[in-house]
């Protein structure tokens, strides 16, 4: 979204999502902001381990 500013300009909010792609190159999910590096690493390892067991 955006917010009008007093000087006539606009403040634009951008997302900061990180997309998780599986080893086959397909979308698996995404991480929403705020992103916690430890949680992201845990999720990545979990997805990778599940993929290896296929």
Protein backbone atom coordinates (compact mmCIF):
# COMPACT_ATOMS: atom_id res chain seq x y z
CA UNK A 1 0.00 0.00 0.00
CA UNK A 2 0.94 3.63 0.11
CA UNK A 3 0.49 6.59 2.40
CA UNK A 4 0.17 10.21 1.22
CA UNK A 5 2.72 12.52 2.87
CA UNK A 6 2.21 16.15 3.95
CA UNK A 7 4.54 17.38 1.17
CA UNK A 8 2.40 15.75 -1.55
CA UNK A 9 4.63 12.72 -2.05
CA UNK A 10 3.76 9.13 -1.20
CA UNK A 11 5.39 6.58 1.09
CA UNK A 12 5.27 3.14 -0.57
CA UNK A 13 5.47 -0.03 1.53
CA UNK A 14 7.27 -2.97 -0.11
CA UNK A 15 7.21 -6.57 1.02
CA UNK A 16 10.36 -8.39 1.99
CA UNK A 17 9.37 -11.97 1.38
CA UNK A 18 11.93 -14.62 0.50
CA UNK A 19 10.77 -17.42 -1.81
CA UNK A 20 11.80 -21.01 -1.07
CA UNK A 21 12.43 -23.09 -4.21
CA UNK A 22 12.81 -26.87 -3.92
CA UNK A 23 15.69 -28.80 -5.56
CA UNK A 24 13.50 -29.48 -8.63
CA UNK A 25 13.17 -25.73 -9.16
CA UNK A 26 9.53 -25.52 -8.06
CA UNK A 27 7.97 -23.10 -5.58
CA UNK A 28 7.77 -24.62 -2.12
CA UNK A 29 6.80 -21.64 0.02
CA UNK A 30 7.96 -18.28 1.27
CA UNK A 31 9.19 -16.59 4.41
CA UNK A 32 7.21 -13.56 5.57
CA UNK A 33 8.77 -10.55 7.27
CA UNK A 34 10.16 -10.21 9.82
CA UNK A 35 12.56 -12.98 8.89
CA UNK A 36 14.42 -14.78 11.65
CA UNK A 37 17.61 -16.35 10.23
CA UNK A 38 17.55 -19.25 12.69
CA UNK A 39 13.95 -20.13 11.83
CA UNK A 40 14.67 -19.83 8.11
CA UNK A 41 17.66 -22.18 8.43
CA UNK A 42 15.61 -24.70 10.40
CA UNK A 43 12.84 -24.64 7.78
CA UNK A 44 15.35 -24.94 4.93
CA UNK A 45 17.03 -27.95 6.55
CA UNK A 46 13.65 -29.59 7.15
CA UNK A 47 12.59 -29.14 3.52
CA UNK A 48 15.98 -30.34 2.26
CA UNK A 49 15.90 -33.43 4.48
CA UNK A 50 12.36 -34.30 3.36
CA UNK A 51 13.44 -33.88 -0.26
CA UNK A 52 16.43 -36.21 0.23
CA UNK A 53 14.14 -38.94 1.62
CA UNK A 54 11.96 -38.97 -1.51
